[in-house]
Structures are given as C-alpha cells and as structure tokens.
Amino acid sequence: MWDVLSFNHFVTQDFLIFFYYIGAIVIPILLLFFRGYLIDNISFLQKIDRKFKSFFLSLKARQKVVTVLGLILLFICMEFCWRVMFEVMIGYFDMHNYLYDLTKGRLQ
C-alpha cells in the first residue's frame, strides 16, 4: 500500500485500459450520433460539411468509392495509432513496476 501512496507503484494500467476503450469505441459512436447536432450548432463545422458535401457530390462513382475507402482506412490507422500509444504507456508503467520490484529484491 505504501508503494502506491508514495508513487513507487502506479495504478495506471486499469485507468489506461478504461480510457483506451472510451477513445476507441465510445467517442466515435457519440460523434456519429451527435454529428447532426454539432453541424447545426457550430458554424465552422457547417462550412466544412457544406464544402465536403459539394466536393463529394462532384465526384464520379469510382472516385466516391475511393474516397470512402480512404476515409475508412484513415479511421483504421487512427485507431491503430491510438492502440499503439496506449500499449507503449502500459509497457512503460509495467517496466517501471518490474524494475522497482527488482531493485527492492522482491523478484527472484
């Protein structure tokens, strides 16, 4: 208990996993549901939405498919980067805890 209170051991792994799932699942779903509200109430999002719609409507069918696939690929890449960032943080805190235990002679 003293190790946690003195910040020698971190309790971050559970918190990092919790925030990973919030960022990877909850936030994209909430943005999808509240997209209309955000566009209606934020002026620069209205401008972006209008320009994107006019751009998308000017494309041919094949270009639309490529654009949608590109956006899906971009989303998957962002999710992958989000995952890697959290794995690095979890690995760092695990190494810290392991090295601390090793220096205190708790590991054999």
PDB file of N, CA and C in Angstrom:
ATOM      1  N   MET A   1       0.824  -1.195   0.000  1.00  0.00           N
ATOM      2  CA  MET A   1       0.000   0.000   0.000  1.00  0.00           C
ATOM      3  C   MET A   1       0.873   1.265   0.000  1.00  0.00           C
ATOM      4  N   TRP A   2       1.960   1.226   0.769  1.00  0.00           N
ATOM      5  CA  TRP A   2       2.838   2.388   0.832  1.00  0.00           C
ATOM      6  C   TRP A   2       3.458   2.690  -0.524  1.00  0.00           C
ATOM      7  N   ASP A   3       3.752   1.629  -1.323  1.00  0.00           N
ATOM      8  CA  ASP A   3       4.339   1.839  -2.649  1.00  0.00           C
ATOM      9  C   ASP A   3       3.396   2.630  -3.554  1.00  0.00           C
ATOM     10  N   VAL A   4       2.112   2.374  -3.437  1.00  0.00           N
ATOM     11  CA  VAL A   4       1.136   3.114  -4.248  1.00  0.00           C
ATOM     12  C   VAL A   4       1.029   4.557  -3.758  1.00  0.00           C
ATOM     13  N   LEU A   5       0.985   4.731  -2.446  1.00  0.00           N
ATOM     14  CA  LEU A   5       0.851   6.080  -1.889  1.00  0.00           C
ATOM     15  C   LEU A   5       2.095   6.930  -2.120  1.00  0.00           C
ATOM     16  N   SER A   6       3.257   6.296  -2.207  1.00  0.00           N
ATOM     17  CA  SER A   6       4.491   7.048  -2.448  1.00  0.00           C
ATOM     18  C   SER A   6       4.850   7.112  -3.930  1.00  0.00           C
ATOM     19  N   PHE A   7       3.953   6.650  -4.792  1.00  0.00           N
ATOM     20  CA  PHE A   7       4.115   6.666  -6.249  1.00  0.00           C
ATOM     21  C   PHE A   7       5.289   5.811  -6.731  1.00  0.00           C
ATOM     22  N   ASN A   8       5.652   4.798  -5.959  1.00  0.00           N
ATOM     23  CA  ASN A   8       6.652   3.851  -6.435  1.00  0.00           C
ATOM     24  C   ASN A   8       6.014   2.806  -7.343  1.00  0.00           C
ATOM     25  N   HIS A   9       4.761   2.494  -7.093  1.00  0.00           N
ATOM     26  CA  HIS A   9       3.971   1.648  -7.987  1.00  0.00           C
ATOM     27  C   HIS A   9       2.822   2.487  -8.517  1.00  0.00           C
ATOM     28  N   PHE A  10       2.495   2.287  -9.776  1.00  0.00           N
ATOM     29  CA  PHE A  10       1.434   3.066 -10.401  1.00  0.00           C
ATOM     30  C   PHE A  10       0.175   2.217 -10.539  1.00  0.00           C
ATOM     31  N   VAL A  11      -0.953   2.851 -10.472  1.00  0.00           N
ATOM     32  CA  VAL A  11      -2.233   2.173 -10.640  1.00  0.00           C
ATOM     33  C   VAL A  11      -2.823   2.492 -12.009  1.00  0.00           C
ATOM     34  N   THR A  12      -1.978   2.831 -12.947  1.00  0.00           N
ATOM     35  CA  THR A  12      -2.451   3.385 -14.209  1.00  0.00           C
ATOM     36  C   THR A  12      -2.962   2.365 -15.208  1.00  0.00           C
ATOM     37  N   GLN A  13      -2.564   1.100 -15.118  1.00  0.00           N
ATOM     38  CA  GLN A  13      -2.924   0.163 -16.175  1.00  0.00           C
ATOM     39  C   GLN A  13      -4.439   0.051 -16.341  1.00  0.00           C
ATOM     40  N   ASP A  14      -5.171  -0.081 -15.249  1.00  0.00           N
ATOM     41  CA  ASP A  14      -6.630  -0.164 -15.351  1.00  0.00           C
ATOM     42  C   ASP A  14      -7.219   1.129 -15.902  1.00  0.00           C
ATOM     43  N   PHE A  15      -6.675   2.261 -15.470  1.00  0.00           N
ATOM     44  CA  PHE A  15      -7.163   3.538 -15.975  1.00  0.00           C
ATOM     45  C   PHE A  15      -6.852   3.711 -17.458  1.00  0.00           C
ATOM     46  N   LEU A  16      -5.662   3.300 -17.869  1.00  0.00           N
ATOM     47  CA  LEU A  16      -5.301   3.412 -19.283  1.00  0.00           C
ATOM     48  C   LEU A  16      -6.198   2.547 -20.153  1.00  0.00           C
ATOM     49  N   ILE A  17      -6.493   1.347 -19.703  1.00  0.00           N
ATOM     50  CA  ILE A  17      -7.387   0.474 -20.474  1.00  0.00           C
ATOM     51  C   ILE A  17      -8.777   1.090 -20.558  1.00  0.00           C
ATOM     52  N   PHE A  18      -9.249   1.652 -19.456  1.00  0.00           N
ATOM     53  CA  PHE A  18     -10.554   2.310 -19.441  1.00  0.00           C
ATOM     54  C   PHE A  18     -10.593   3.466 -20.442  1.00  0.00           C
ATOM     55  N   PHE A  19      -9.582   4.325 -20.415  1.00  0.00           N
ATOM     56  CA  PHE A  19      -9.555   5.465 -21.327  1.00  0.00           C
ATOM     57  C   PHE A  19      -9.297   5.051 -22.767  1.00  0.00           C
ATOM     58  N   TYR A  20      -8.596   3.943 -22.963  1.00  0.00           N
ATOM     59  CA  TYR A  20      -8.416   3.428 -24.323  1.00  0.00           C
ATOM     60  C   TYR A  20      -9.773   3.089 -24.937  1.00  0.00           C
ATOM     61  N   TYR A  21     -10.600   2.357 -24.191  1.00  0.00           N
ATOM     62  CA  TYR A  21     -11.900   1.973 -24.730  1.00  0.00           C
ATOM     63  C   TYR A  21     -12.828   3.169 -24.899  1.00  0.00           C
ATOM     64  N   ILE A  22     -12.721   4.150 -24.037  1.00  0.00           N
ATOM     65  CA  ILE A  22     -13.516   5.368 -24.228  1.00  0.00           C
ATOM     66  C   ILE A  22     -13.125   6.035 -25.541  1.00  0.00           C
ATOM     67  N   GLY A  23     -11.825   6.169 -25.781  1.00  0.00           N
ATOM     68  CA  GLY A  23     -11.361   6.826 -27.001  1.00  0.00           C
ATOM     69  C   GLY A  23     -11.568   6.005 -28.254  1.00  0.00           C
ATOM     70  N   ALA A  24     -11.493   4.684 -28.137  1.00  0.00           N
ATOM     71  CA  ALA A  24     -11.586   3.832 -29.321  1.00  0.00           C
ATOM     72  C   ALA A  24     -13.019   3.499 -29.705  1.00  0.00           C
ATOM     73  N   ILE A  25     -13.918   3.438 -28.730  1.00  0.00           N
ATOM     74  CA  ILE A  25     -15.286   2.991 -29.026  1.00  0.00           C
ATOM     75  C   ILE A  25     -16.321   4.065 -28.711  1.00  0.00           C
ATOM     76  N   VAL A  26     -16.295   4.588 -27.500  1.00  0.00           N
ATOM     77  CA  VAL A  26     -17.365   5.481 -27.047  1.00  0.00           C
ATOM     78  C   VAL A  26     -17.350   6.810 -27.806  1.00  0.00           C
ATOM     79  N   ILE A  27     -16.196   7.442 -27.923  1.00  0.00           N
ATOM     80  CA  ILE A  27     -16.133   8.758 -28.574  1.00  0.00           C
ATOM     81  C   ILE A  27     -16.536   8.697 -30.050  1.00  0.00           C
ATOM     82  N   PRO A  28     -16.043   7.731 -30.849  1.00  0.00           N
ATOM     83  CA  PRO A  28     -16.515   7.677 -32.244  1.00  0.00           C
ATOM     84  C   PRO A  28     -18.025   7.443 -32.365  1.00  0.00           C
ATOM     85  N   ILE A  29     -18.583   6.603 -31.486  1.00  0.00           N
ATOM     86  CA  ILE A  29     -20.031   6.354 -31.537  1.00  0.00           C
ATOM     87  C   ILE A  29     -20.800   7.615 -31.149  1.00  0.00           C
ATOM     88  N   LEU A  30     -20.353   8.300 -30.099  1.00  0.00           N
ATOM     89  CA  LEU A  30     -21.020   9.545 -29.700  1.00  0.00           C
ATOM     90  C   LEU A  30     -20.927  10.602 -30.793  1.00  0.00           C
ATOM     91  N   LEU A  31     -19.765  10.709 -31.441  1.00  0.00           N
ATOM     92  CA  LEU A  31     -19.630  11.674 -32.535  1.00  0.00           C
ATOM     93  C   LEU A  31     -20.548  11.327 -33.699  1.00  0.00           C
ATOM     94  N   LEU A  32     -20.725  10.048 -33.950  1.00  0.00           N
ATOM     95  CA  LEU A  32     -21.633   9.628 -35.019  1.00  0.00           C
ATOM     96  C   LEU A  32     -23.075  10.018 -34.691  1.00  0.00           C
ATOM     97  N   PHE A  33     -23.487   9.799 -33.433  1.00  0.00           N
ATOM     98  CA  PHE A  33     -24.855  10.127 -33.040  1.00  0.00           C
ATOM     99  C   PHE A  33     -25.102  11.635 -32.953  1.00  0.00           C
ATOM    100  N   PHE A  34     -24.100  12.390 -32.506  1.00  0.00           N
ATOM    101  CA  PHE A  34     -24.273  13.828 -32.320  1.00  0.00           C
ATOM    102  C   PHE A  34     -23.753  14.649 -33.491  1.00  0.00           C
ATOM    103  N   ARG A  35     -23.462  14.011 -34.594  1.00  0.00           N
ATOM    104  CA  ARG A  35     -22.932  14.707 -35.767  1.00  0.00           C
ATOM    105  C   ARG A  35     -23.882  15.813 -36.233  1.00  0.00           C
ATOM    106  N   GLY A  36     -25.141  15.491 -36.360  1.00  0.00           N
ATOM    107  CA  GLY A  36     -26.127  16.474 -36.804  1.00  0.00           C
ATOM    108  C   GLY A  36     -26.225  17.664 -35.869  1.00  0.00           C
ATOM    109  N   TYR A  37     -26.238  17.398 -34.585  1.00  0.00           N
ATOM    110  CA  TYR A  37     -26.305  18.475 -33.598  1.00  0.00           C
ATOM    111  C   TYR A  37     -25.074  19.372 -33.693  1.00  0.00           C
ATOM    112  N   LEU A  38     -23.910  18.764 -33.809  1.00  0.00           N
ATOM    113  CA  LEU A  38     -22.670  19.544 -33.890  1.00  0.00           C
ATOM    114  C   LEU A  38     -22.640  20.410 -35.141  1.00  0.00           C
ATOM    115  N   ILE A  39     -23.072  19.853 -36.263  1.00  0.00           N
ATOM    116  CA  ILE A  39     -23.066  20.613 -37.516  1.00  0.00           C
ATOM    117  C   ILE A  39     -24.070  21.761 -37.460  1.00  0.00           C
ATOM    118  N   ASP A  40     -25.220  21.523 -36.851  1.00  0.00           N
ATOM    119  CA  ASP A  40     -26.238  22.573 -36.768  1.00  0.00           C
ATOM    120  C   ASP A  40     -25.831  23.722 -35.842  1.00  0.00           C
ATOM    121  N   ASN A  41     -25.030  23.449 -34.830  1.00  0.00           N
ATOM    122  CA  ASN A  41     -24.757  24.456 -33.799  1.00  0.00           C
ATOM    123  C   ASN A  41     -23.360  25.062 -33.825  1.00  0.00           C
ATOM    124  N   ILE A  42     -22.467  24.536 -34.641  1.00  0.00           N
ATOM    125  CA  ILE A  42     -21.102  25.077 -34.702  1.00  0.00           C
ATOM    126  C   ILE A  42     -20.845  25.532 -36.128  1.00  0.00           C
ATOM    127  N   SER A  43     -20.600  26.834 -36.281  1.00  0.00           N
ATOM    128  CA  SER A  43     -20.568  27.428 -37.620  1.00  0.00           C
ATOM    129  C   SER A  43     -19.444  26.886 -38.501  1.00  0.00           C
ATOM    130  N   PHE A  44     -18.237  26.716 -37.964  1.00  0.00           N
ATOM    131  CA  PHE A  44     -17.163  26.244 -38.841  1.00  0.00           C
ATOM    132  C   PHE A  44     -17.388  24.797 -39.271  1.00  0.00           C
ATOM    133  N   LEU A  45     -18.106  24.009 -38.457  1.00  0.00           N
ATOM    134  CA  LEU A  45     -18.452  22.649 -38.878  1.00  0.00           C
ATOM    135  C   LEU A  45     -19.499  22.670 -39.990  1.00  0.00           C
ATOM    136  N   GLN A  46     -20.380  23.676 -39.970  1.00  0.00           N
ATOM    137  CA  GLN A  46     -21.349  23.827 -41.057  1.00  0.00           C
ATOM    138  C   GLN A  46     -20.631  24.096 -42.368  1.00  0.00           C
ATOM    139  N   LYS A  47     -19.648  24.974 -42.334  1.00  0.00           N
ATOM    140  CA  LYS A  47     -18.889  25.289 -43.548  1.00  0.00           C
ATOM    141  C   LYS A  47     -18.136  24.068 -44.059  1.00  0.00           C
ATOM    142  N   ILE A  48     -17.497  23.348 -43.156  1.00  0.00           N
ATOM    143  CA  ILE A  48     -16.761  22.146 -43.557  1.00  0.00           C
ATOM    144  C   ILE A  48     -17.712  21.116 -44.146  1.00  0.00           C
ATOM    145  N   ASP A  49     -18.871  20.940 -43.521  1.00  0.00           N
ATOM    146  CA  ASP A  49     -19.845  19.962 -44.010  1.00  0.00           C
ATOM    147  C   ASP A  49     -20.353  20.339 -45.398  1.00  0.00           C
ATOM    148  N   ARG A  50     -20.663  21.618 -45.607  1.00  0.00           N
ATOM    149  CA  ARG A  50     -21.127  22.057 -46.928  1.00  0.00           C
ATOM    150  C   ARG A  50     -20.064  21.837 -47.998  1.00  0.00           C
ATOM    151  N   LYS A  51     -18.829  22.185 -47.687  1.00  0.00           N
ATOM    152  CA  LYS A  51     -17.751  22.018 -48.667  1.00  0.00           C
ATOM    153  C   LYS A  51     -17.491  20.544 -48.954  1.00  0.00           C
ATOM    154  N   PHE A  52     -17.533  19.720 -47.917  1.00  0.00           N
ATOM    155  CA  PHE A  52     -17.310  18.292 -48.135  1.00  0.00           C
ATOM    156  C   PHE A  52     -18.437  17.686 -48.965  1.00  0.00           C
ATOM    157  N   LYS A  53     -19.685  18.091 -48.687  1.00  0.00           N
ATOM    158  CA  LYS A  53     -20.811  17.566 -49.472  1.00  0.00           C
ATOM    159  C   LYS A  53     -20.715  17.999 -50.929  1.00  0.00           C
ATOM    160  N   SER A  54     -20.383  19.258 -51.169  1.00  0.00           N
ATOM    161  CA  SER A  54     -20.268  19.713 -52.559  1.00  0.00           C
ATOM    162  C   SER A  54     -19.104  19.018 -53.260  1.00  0.00           C
ATOM    163  N   PHE A  55     -18.002  18.803 -52.551  1.00  0.00           N
ATOM    164  CA  PHE A  55     -16.876  18.069 -53.126  1.00  0.00           C
ATOM    165  C   PHE A  55     -17.271  16.630 -53.435  1.00  0.00           C
ATOM    166  N   PHE A  56     -17.943  15.988 -52.488  1.00  0.00           N
ATOM    167  CA  PHE A  56     -18.312  14.582 -52.662  1.00  0.00           C
ATOM    168  C   PHE A  56     -19.312  14.406 -53.803  1.00  0.00           C
ATOM    169  N   LEU A  57     -20.263  15.340 -53.927  1.00  0.00           N
ATOM    170  CA  LEU A  57     -21.252  15.241 -55.000  1.00  0.00           C
ATOM    171  C   LEU A  57     -20.638  15.488 -56.372  1.00  0.00           C
ATOM    172  N   SER A  58     -19.523  16.188 -56.429  1.00  0.00           N
ATOM    173  CA  SER A  58     -18.878  16.458 -57.717  1.00  0.00           C
ATOM    174  C   SER A  58     -18.043  15.275 -58.214  1.00  0.00           C
ATOM    175  N   LEU A  59     -17.854  14.279 -57.379  1.00  0.00           N
ATOM    176  CA  LEU A  59     -17.039  13.124 -57.760  1.00  0.00           C
ATOM    177  C   LEU A  59     -17.841  12.125 -58.583  1.00  0.00           C
ATOM    178  N   LYS A  60     -17.117  11.350 -59.381  1.00  0.00           N
ATOM    179  CA  LYS A  60     -17.735  10.245 -60.108  1.00  0.00           C
ATOM    180  C   LYS A  60     -17.880   9.069 -59.152  1.00  0.00           C
ATOM    181  N   ALA A  61     -18.629   8.059 -59.573  1.00  0.00           N
ATOM    182  CA  ALA A  61     -18.925   6.920 -58.699  1.00  0.00           C
ATOM    183  C   ALA A  61     -17.651   6.233 -58.211  1.00  0.00           C
ATOM    184  N   ARG A  62     -16.714   6.008 -59.114  1.00  0.00           N
ATOM    185  CA  ARG A  62     -15.461   5.341 -58.725  1.00  0.00           C
ATOM    186  C   ARG A  62     -14.669   6.199 -57.735  1.00  0.00           C
ATOM    187  N   GLN A  63     -14.657   7.500 -57.948  1.00  0.00           N
ATOM    188  CA  GLN A  63     -13.945   8.400 -57.042  1.00  0.00           C
ATOM    189  C   GLN A  63     -14.609   8.437 -55.661  1.00  0.00           C
ATOM    190  N   LYS A  64     -15.944   8.327 -55.643  1.00  0.00           N
ATOM    191  CA  LYS A  64     -16.651   8.288 -54.361  1.00  0.00           C
ATOM    192  C   LYS A  64     -16.260   7.050 -53.569  1.00  0.00           C
ATOM    193  N   VAL A  65     -16.172   5.919 -54.266  1.00  0.00           N
ATOM    194  CA  VAL A  65     -15.784   4.674 -53.597  1.00  0.00           C
ATOM    195  C   VAL A  65     -14.368   4.797 -53.042  1.00  0.00           C
ATOM    196  N   VAL A  66     -13.463   5.347 -53.839  1.00  0.00           N
ATOM    197  CA  VAL A  66     -12.079   5.522 -53.391  1.00  0.00           C
ATOM    198  C   VAL A  66     -12.018   6.475 -52.198  1.00  0.00           C
ATOM    199  N   THR A  67     -12.803   7.538 -52.223  1.00  0.00           N
ATOM    200  CA  THR A  67     -12.826   8.496 -51.115  1.00  0.00           C
ATOM    201  C   THR A  67     -13.332   7.843 -49.836  1.00  0.00           C
ATOM    202  N   VAL A  68     -14.426   7.099 -49.939  1.00  0.00           N
ATOM    203  CA  VAL A  68     -14.981   6.426 -48.757  1.00  0.00           C
ATOM    204  C   VAL A  68     -13.994   5.395 -48.220  1.00  0.00           C
ATOM    205  N   LEU A  69     -13.396   4.615 -49.111  1.00  0.00           N
ATOM    206  CA  LEU A  69     -12.406   3.633 -48.663  1.00  0.00           C
ATOM    207  C   LEU A  69     -11.195   4.316 -48.026  1.00  0.00           C
ATOM    208  N   GLY A  70     -10.786   5.449 -48.573  1.00  0.00           N
ATOM    209  CA  GLY A  70      -9.677   6.205 -47.982  1.00  0.00           C
ATOM    210  C   GLY A  70     -10.007   6.704 -46.584  1.00  0.00           C
ATOM    211  N   LEU A  71     -11.232   7.189 -46.395  1.00  0.00           N
ATOM    212  CA  LEU A  71     -11.639   7.657 -45.069  1.00  0.00           C
ATOM    213  C   LEU A  71     -11.724   6.503 -44.074  1.00  0.00           C
ATOM    214  N   ILE A  72     -12.208   5.352 -44.534  1.00  0.00           N
ATOM    215  CA  ILE A  72     -12.252   4.174 -43.664  1.00  0.00           C
ATOM    216  C   ILE A  72     -10.836   3.748 -43.284  1.00  0.00           C
ATOM    217  N   LEU A  73      -9.929   3.748 -44.255  1.00  0.00           N
ATOM    218  CA  LEU A  73      -8.535   3.399 -43.983  1.00  0.00           C
ATOM    219  C   LEU A  73      -7.903   4.393 -43.009  1.00  0.00           C
ATOM    220  N   LEU A  74      -8.203   5.672 -43.180  1.00  0.00           N
ATOM    221  CA  LEU A  74      -7.692   6.694 -42.267  1.00  0.00           C
ATOM    222  C   LEU A  74      -8.200   6.455 -40.846  1.00  0.00           C
ATOM    223  N   PHE A  75      -9.474   6.111 -40.707  1.00  0.00           N
ATOM    224  CA  PHE A  75     -10.048   5.822 -39.392  1.00  0.00           C
ATOM    225  C   PHE A  75      -9.364   4.617 -38.753  1.00  0.00           C
ATOM    226  N   ILE A  76      -9.138   3.569 -39.537  1.00  0.00           N
ATOM    227  CA  ILE A  76      -8.473   2.372 -39.012  1.00  0.00           C
ATOM    228  C   ILE A  76      -7.044   2.698 -38.583  1.00  0.00           C
ATOM    229  N   CYS A  77      -6.344   3.503 -39.360  1.00  0.00           N
ATOM    230  CA  CYS A  77      -4.976   3.908 -38.989  1.00  0.00           C
ATOM    231  C   CYS A  77      -4.973   4.723 -37.697  1.00  0.00           C
ATOM    232  N   MET A  78      -5.946   5.599 -37.529  1.00  0.00           N
ATOM    233  CA  MET A  78      -6.022   6.387 -36.297  1.00  0.00           C
ATOM    234  C   MET A  78      -6.307   5.486 -35.097  1.00  0.00           C
ATOM    235  N   GLU A  79      -7.190   4.495 -35.280  1.00  0.00           N
ATOM    236  CA  GLU A  79      -7.472   3.548 -34.202  1.00  0.00           C
ATOM    237  C   GLU A  79      -6.215   2.748 -33.852  1.00  0.00           C
ATOM    238  N   PHE A  80      -5.460   2.359 -34.873  1.00  0.00           N
ATOM    239  CA  PHE A  80      -4.223   1.616 -34.645  1.00  0.00           C
ATOM    240  C   PHE A  80      -3.215   2.467 -33.882  1.00  0.00           C
ATOM    241  N   CYS A  81      -3.058   3.724 -34.251  1.00  0.00           N
ATOM    242  CA  CYS A  81      -2.140   4.621 -33.539  1.00  0.00           C
ATOM    243  C   CYS A  81      -2.585   4.834 -32.097  1.00  0.00           C
ATOM    244  N   TRP A  82      -3.884   4.951 -31.883  1.00  0.00           N
ATOM    245  CA  TRP A  82      -4.436   5.097 -30.536  1.00  0.00           C
ATOM    246  C   TRP A  82      -4.065   3.876 -29.698  1.00  0.00           C
ATOM    247  N   ARG A  83      -4.212   2.681 -30.297  1.00  0.00           N
ATOM    248  CA  ARG A  83      -3.887   1.439 -29.594  1.00  0.00           C
ATOM    249  C   ARG A  83      -2.396   1.370 -29.260  1.00  0.00           C
ATOM    250  N   VAL A  84      -1.547   1.680 -30.218  1.00  0.00           N
ATOM    251  CA  VAL A  84      -0.099   1.620 -30.002  1.00  0.00           C
ATOM    252  C   VAL A  84       0.324   2.599 -28.909  1.00  0.00           C
ATOM    253  N   MET A  85      -0.259   3.790 -28.904  1.00  0.00           N
ATOM    254  CA  MET A  85       0.081   4.779 -27.889  1.00  0.00           C
ATOM    255  C   MET A  85      -0.221   4.240 -26.486  1.00  0.00           C
ATOM    256  N   PHE A  86      -1.365   3.597 -26.327  1.00  0.00           N
ATOM    257  CA  PHE A  86      -1.716   3.064 -25.017  1.00  0.00           C
ATOM    258  C   PHE A  86      -0.880   1.840 -24.663  1.00  0.00           C
ATOM    259  N   GLU A  87      -0.534   1.012 -25.640  1.00  0.00           N
ATOM    260  CA  GLU A  87       0.336  -0.128 -25.364  1.00  0.00           C
ATOM    261  C   GLU A  87       1.708   0.340 -24.897  1.00  0.00           C
ATOM    262  N   VAL A  88       2.231   1.398 -25.498  1.00  0.00           N
ATOM    263  CA  VAL A  88       3.529   1.932 -25.078  1.00  0.00           C
ATOM    264  C   VAL A  88       3.446   2.448 -23.645  1.00  0.00           C
ATOM    265  N   MET A  89       2.385   3.168 -23.315  1.00  0.00           N
ATOM    266  CA  MET A  89       2.256   3.679 -21.949  1.00  0.00           C
ATOM    267  C   MET A  89       2.127   2.547 -20.943  1.00  0.00           C
ATOM    268  N   ILE A  90       1.327   1.530 -21.260  1.00  0.00           N
ATOM    269  CA  ILE A  90       1.173   0.392 -20.352  1.00  0.00           C
ATOM    270  C   ILE A  90       2.504  -0.338 -20.202  1.00  0.00           C
ATOM    271  N   GLY A  91       3.217  -0.534 -21.313  1.00  0.00           N
ATOM    272  CA  GLY A  91       4.525  -1.183 -21.239  1.00  0.00           C
ATOM    273  C   GLY A  91       5.503  -0.400 -20.385  1.00  0.00           C
ATOM    274  N   TYR A  92       5.490   0.920 -20.511  1.00  0.00           N
ATOM    275  CA  TYR A  92       6.377   1.758 -19.700  1.00  0.00           C
ATOM    276  C   TYR A  92       6.084   1.574 -18.215  1.00  0.00           C
ATOM    277  N   PHE A  93       4.823   1.646 -17.839  1.00  0.00           N
ATOM    278  CA  PHE A  93       4.487   1.530 -16.424  1.00  0.00           C
ATOM    279  C   PHE A  93       4.746   0.121 -15.898  1.00  0.00           C
ATOM    280  N   ASP A  94       4.543  -0.905 -16.732  1.00  0.00           N
ATOM    281  CA  ASP A  94       4.880  -2.267 -16.319  1.00  0.00           C
ATOM    282  C   ASP A  94       6.384  -2.413 -16.101  1.00  0.00           C
ATOM    283  N   MET A  95       7.187  -1.840 -16.997  1.00  0.00           N
ATOM    284  CA  MET A  95       8.646  -1.910 -16.825  1.00  0.00           C
ATOM    285  C   MET A  95       9.078  -1.181 -15.557  1.00  0.00           C
ATOM    286  N   HIS A  96       8.470  -0.040 -15.298  1.00  0.00           N
ATOM    287  CA  HIS A  96       8.807   0.704 -14.085  1.00  0.00           C
ATOM    288  C   HIS A  96       8.519  -0.142 -12.854  1.00  0.00           C
ATOM    289  N   ASN A  97       7.338  -0.749 -12.799  1.00  0.00           N
ATOM    290  CA  ASN A  97       6.990  -1.571 -11.640  1.00  0.00           C
ATOM    291  C   ASN A  97       7.925  -2.768 -11.506  1.00  0.00           C
ATOM    292  N   TYR A  98       8.241  -3.409 -12.628  1.00  0.00           N
ATOM    293  CA  TYR A  98       9.132  -4.566 -12.594  1.00  0.00           C
ATOM    294  C   TYR A  98      10.528  -4.161 -12.111  1.00  0.00           C
ATOM    295  N   LEU A  99      11.071  -3.077 -12.634  1.00  0.00           N
ATOM    296  CA  LEU A  99      12.400  -2.634 -12.221  1.00  0.00           C
ATOM    297  C   LEU A  99      12.418  -2.196 -10.761  1.00  0.00           C
ATOM    298  N   TYR A 100      11.345  -1.577 -10.311  1.00  0.00           N
ATOM    299  CA  TYR A 100      11.272  -1.183  -8.904  1.00  0.00           C
ATOM    300  C   TYR A 100      11.276  -2.416  -8.011  1.00  0.00           C
ATOM    301  N   ASP A 101      10.466  -3.419  -8.371  1.00  0.00           N
ATOM    302  CA  ASP A 101      10.446  -4.657  -7.593  1.00  0.00           C
ATOM    303  C   ASP A 101      11.800  -5.350  -7.635  1.00  0.00           C
ATOM    304  N   LEU A 102      12.467  -5.297  -8.765  1.00  0.00           N
ATOM    305  CA  LEU A 102      13.782  -5.922  -8.906  1.00  0.00           C
ATOM    306  C   LEU A 102      14.817  -5.246  -8.004  1.00  0.00           C
ATOM    307  N   THR A 103      14.785  -3.927  -7.928  1.00  0.00           N
ATOM    308  CA  THR A 103      15.754  -3.217  -7.083  1.00  0.00           C
ATOM    309  C   THR A 103      15.467  -3.412  -5.596  1.00  0.00           C
ATOM    310  N   LYS A 104      14.231  -3.676  -5.256  1.00  0.00           N
ATOM    311  CA  LYS A 104      13.880  -3.898  -3.851  1.00  0.00           C
ATOM    312  C   LYS A 104      14.046  -5.358  -3.449  1.00  0.00           C
ATOM    313  N   GLY A 105      14.460  -6.211  -4.386  1.00  0.00           N
ATOM    314  CA  GLY A 105      14.691  -7.618  -4.076  1.00  0.00           C
ATOM    315  C   GLY A 105      13.430  -8.433  -3.932  1.00  0.00           C
ATOM    316  N   ARG A 106      12.329  -7.965  -4.497  1.00  0.00           N
ATOM    317  CA  ARG A 106      11.062  -8.699  -4.394  1.00  0.00           C
ATOM    318  C   ARG A 106      10.935  -9.778  -5.450  1.00  0.00           C
ATOM    319  N   LEU A 107      11.754  -9.688  -6.482  1.00  0.00           N
ATOM    320  CA  LEU A 107      11.718 -10.688  -7.549  1.00  0.00           C
ATOM    321  C   LEU A 107      12.971 -11.543  -7.459  1.00  0.00           C
ATOM    322  N   GLN A 108      12.835 -12.768  -7.794  1.00  0.00           N
ATOM    323  CA  GLN A 108      13.995 -13.680  -7.771  1.00  0.00           C
ATOM    324  C   GLN A 108      14.399 -14.042  -9.164  1.00  0.00           C
TER     325      GLN A 108
END
